[in-house]
């Protein structure tokens, strides 16, 4: 059975509640805690930033003129950081989706 939570404060609600016992907010049908929704949006934005960084590094490595190893190392580091961001944001997104707080 799915748990109901107050969309304002995240307090767990009784199944027949029409107001939150903690903050007094009127209850809509179903709902996730506010922090879950906010975290999911934040992690999705973080994943987008990581994906853009990765794509830019790939494009740079593809169209760059022949150059020294420093620019290749820099692009490799950008790819490594962007992949770390993608993996980390996916992991945190899954934790937020499952309802585990930080």
C-alpha atoms as a PDB file:
ATOM      1  CA  UNK A   1       0.000   0.000   0.000  1.00  0.00           C
ATOM      2  CA  UNK A   2       1.338   3.430  -0.952  1.00  0.00           C
ATOM      3  CA  UNK A   3       1.974   5.807   1.922  1.00  0.00           C
ATOM      4  CA  UNK A   4       0.513   9.305   1.821  1.00  0.00           C
ATOM      5  CA  UNK A   5       2.680  12.260   2.747  1.00  0.00           C
ATOM      6  CA  UNK A   6       2.015  15.944   3.232  1.00  0.00           C
ATOM      7  CA  UNK A   7       3.179  17.834   0.145  1.00  0.00           C
ATOM      8  CA  UNK A   8       4.158  20.800   2.335  1.00  0.00           C
ATOM      9  CA  UNK A   9       6.226  19.268   5.154  1.00  0.00           C
ATOM     10  CA  UNK A  10       6.656  15.580   4.222  1.00  0.00           C
ATOM     11  CA  UNK A  11       4.882  14.292   7.332  1.00  0.00           C
ATOM     12  CA  UNK A  12       3.381  10.797   6.966  1.00  0.00           C
ATOM     13  CA  UNK A  13      -0.416  10.998   6.966  1.00  0.00           C
ATOM     14  CA  UNK A  14      -3.190   8.738   8.149  1.00  0.00           C
ATOM     15  CA  UNK A  15      -5.096   7.188   5.244  1.00  0.00           C
ATOM     16  CA  UNK A  16      -8.279   9.140   6.057  1.00  0.00           C
ATOM     17  CA  UNK A  17      -6.630  12.511   6.856  1.00  0.00           C
ATOM     18  CA  UNK A  18      -7.863  15.634   5.109  1.00  0.00           C
ATOM     19  CA  UNK A  19      -5.358  17.949   6.843  1.00  0.00           C
ATOM     20  CA  UNK A  20      -1.763  17.415   7.920  1.00  0.00           C
ATOM     21  CA  UNK A  21      -1.499  16.923  11.685  1.00  0.00           C
ATOM     22  CA  UNK A  22       1.948  18.531  11.665  1.00  0.00           C
ATOM     23  CA  UNK A  23       1.566  21.724   9.584  1.00  0.00           C
ATOM     24  CA  UNK A  24      -2.199  21.952   8.942  1.00  0.00           C
ATOM     25  CA  UNK A  25      -1.897  21.845   5.133  1.00  0.00           C
ATOM     26  CA  UNK A  26      -4.972  20.611   3.242  1.00  0.00           C
ATOM     27  CA  UNK A  27      -4.265  17.189   1.779  1.00  0.00           C
ATOM     28  CA  UNK A  28      -4.575  16.383  -1.911  1.00  0.00           C
ATOM     29  CA  UNK A  29      -5.051  12.771  -2.975  1.00  0.00           C
ATOM     30  CA  UNK A  30      -1.718  10.953  -2.677  1.00  0.00           C
ATOM     31  CA  UNK A  31       1.533  12.786  -2.810  1.00  0.00           C
ATOM     32  CA  UNK A  32       5.207  12.576  -2.123  1.00  0.00           C
ATOM     33  CA  UNK A  33       7.133  14.573   0.443  1.00  0.00           C
ATOM     34  CA  UNK A  34       8.221  17.967  -0.877  1.00  0.00           C
ATOM     35  CA  UNK A  35      11.893  17.172  -0.332  1.00  0.00           C
ATOM     36  CA  UNK A  36      11.640  14.113  -2.598  1.00  0.00           C
ATOM     37  CA  UNK A  37      10.224  16.148  -5.479  1.00  0.00           C
ATOM     38  CA  UNK A  38      12.791  18.926  -5.016  1.00  0.00           C
ATOM     39  CA  UNK A  39      15.710  16.468  -4.813  1.00  0.00           C
ATOM     40  CA  UNK A  40      14.588  14.616  -7.920  1.00  0.00           C
ATOM     41  CA  UNK A  41      14.460  17.855  -9.908  1.00  0.00           C
ATOM     42  CA  UNK A  42      17.885  18.872  -8.622  1.00  0.00           C
ATOM     43  CA  UNK A  43      19.433  15.514  -9.549  1.00  0.00           C
ATOM     44  CA  UNK A  44      17.863  15.632 -13.003  1.00  0.00           C
ATOM     45  CA  UNK A  45      19.380  19.081 -13.573  1.00  0.00           C
ATOM     46  CA  UNK A  46      22.747  17.816 -12.348  1.00  0.00           C
ATOM     47  CA  UNK A  47      22.553  14.898 -14.792  1.00  0.00           C
ATOM     48  CA  UNK A  48      21.813  17.304 -17.649  1.00  0.00           C
ATOM     49  CA  UNK A  49      24.900  19.366 -16.764  1.00  0.00           C
ATOM     50  CA  UNK A  50      27.032  16.210 -16.688  1.00  0.00           C
ATOM     51  CA  UNK A  51      25.673  15.037 -20.043  1.00  0.00           C
ATOM     52  CA  UNK A  52      26.341  18.421 -21.657  1.00  0.00           C
ATOM     53  CA  UNK A  53      29.909  18.442 -20.310  1.00  0.00           C
ATOM     54  CA  UNK A  54      30.473  14.928 -21.656  1.00  0.00           C
ATOM     55  CA  UNK A  55      29.097  15.804 -25.106  1.00  0.00           C
ATOM     56  CA  UNK A  56      31.206  18.972 -25.298  1.00  0.00           C
ATOM     57  CA  UNK A  57      34.346  16.978 -24.410  1.00  0.00           C
ATOM     58  CA  UNK A  58      33.534  14.353 -27.079  1.00  0.00           C
ATOM     59  CA  UNK A  59      32.955  17.060 -29.705  1.00  0.00           C
ATOM     60  CA  UNK A  60      36.193  18.784 -28.724  1.00  0.00           C
ATOM     61  CA  UNK A  61      38.176  15.551 -29.030  1.00  0.00           C
ATOM     62  CA  UNK A  62      36.575  14.852 -32.416  1.00  0.00           C
ATOM     63  CA  UNK A  63      37.106  18.227 -34.124  1.00  0.00           C
ATOM     64  CA  UNK A  64      40.233  19.521 -32.387  1.00  0.00           C
ATOM     65  CA  UNK A  65      43.307  20.322 -34.452  1.00  0.00           C
ATOM     66  CA  UNK A  66      46.395  18.231 -33.843  1.00  0.00           C
ATOM     67  CA  UNK A  67      47.770  19.510 -30.583  1.00  0.00           C
ATOM     68  CA  UNK A  68      49.880  18.680 -27.598  1.00  0.00           C
ATOM     69  CA  UNK A  69      48.919  16.173 -24.938  1.00  0.00           C
ATOM     70  CA  UNK A  70      47.796  18.888 -22.485  1.00  0.00           C
ATOM     71  CA  UNK A  71      44.500  19.572 -24.243  1.00  0.00           C
ATOM     72  CA  UNK A  72      43.830  15.843 -24.561  1.00  0.00           C
ATOM     73  CA  UNK A  73      44.472  15.431 -20.847  1.00  0.00           C
ATOM     74  CA  UNK A  74      42.148  18.333 -20.065  1.00  0.00           C
ATOM     75  CA  UNK A  75      39.371  16.891 -22.255  1.00  0.00           C
ATOM     76  CA  UNK A  76      39.878  13.489 -20.642  1.00  0.00           C
ATOM     77  CA  UNK A  77      39.564  15.056 -17.199  1.00  0.00           C
ATOM     78  CA  UNK A  78      36.372  16.857 -18.259  1.00  0.00           C
ATOM     79  CA  UNK A  79      34.964  13.527 -19.466  1.00  0.00           C
ATOM     80  CA  UNK A  80      35.930  11.836 -16.190  1.00  0.00           C
ATOM     81  CA  UNK A  81      34.302  14.571 -14.093  1.00  0.00           C
ATOM     82  CA  UNK A  82      31.159  14.586 -16.237  1.00  0.00           C
ATOM     83  CA  UNK A  83      30.823  10.802 -16.003  1.00  0.00           C
ATOM     84  CA  UNK A  84      31.244  11.058 -12.220  1.00  0.00           C
ATOM     85  CA  UNK A  85      28.475  13.672 -12.142  1.00  0.00           C
ATOM     86  CA  UNK A  86      26.205  11.448 -14.237  1.00  0.00           C
ATOM     87  CA  UNK A  87      26.790   8.345 -12.113  1.00  0.00           C
ATOM     88  CA  UNK A  88      26.471  10.272  -8.847  1.00  0.00           C
ATOM     89  CA  UNK A  89      23.292  12.037  -9.879  1.00  0.00           C
ATOM     90  CA  UNK A  90      21.755   8.738 -11.030  1.00  0.00           C
ATOM     91  CA  UNK A  91      22.600   7.124  -7.690  1.00  0.00           C
ATOM     92  CA  UNK A  92      21.164  10.064  -5.711  1.00  0.00           C
ATOM     93  CA  UNK A  93      18.089  10.174  -7.974  1.00  0.00           C
ATOM     94  CA  UNK A  94      17.412   6.491  -7.255  1.00  0.00           C
ATOM     95  CA  UNK A  95      17.791   7.096  -3.502  1.00  0.00           C
ATOM     96  CA  UNK A  96      15.390  10.044  -3.626  1.00  0.00           C
ATOM     97  CA  UNK A  97      12.904   8.051  -5.712  1.00  0.00           C
ATOM     98  CA  UNK A  98      12.933   5.192  -3.205  1.00  0.00           C
ATOM     99  CA  UNK A  99      12.191   7.642  -0.383  1.00  0.00           C
ATOM    100  CA  UNK A 100      15.506   7.352   1.463  1.00  0.00           C
ATOM    101  CA  UNK A 101      16.455  10.689   2.991  1.00  0.00           C
ATOM    102  CA  UNK A 102      20.013  12.012   2.988  1.00  0.00           C
END
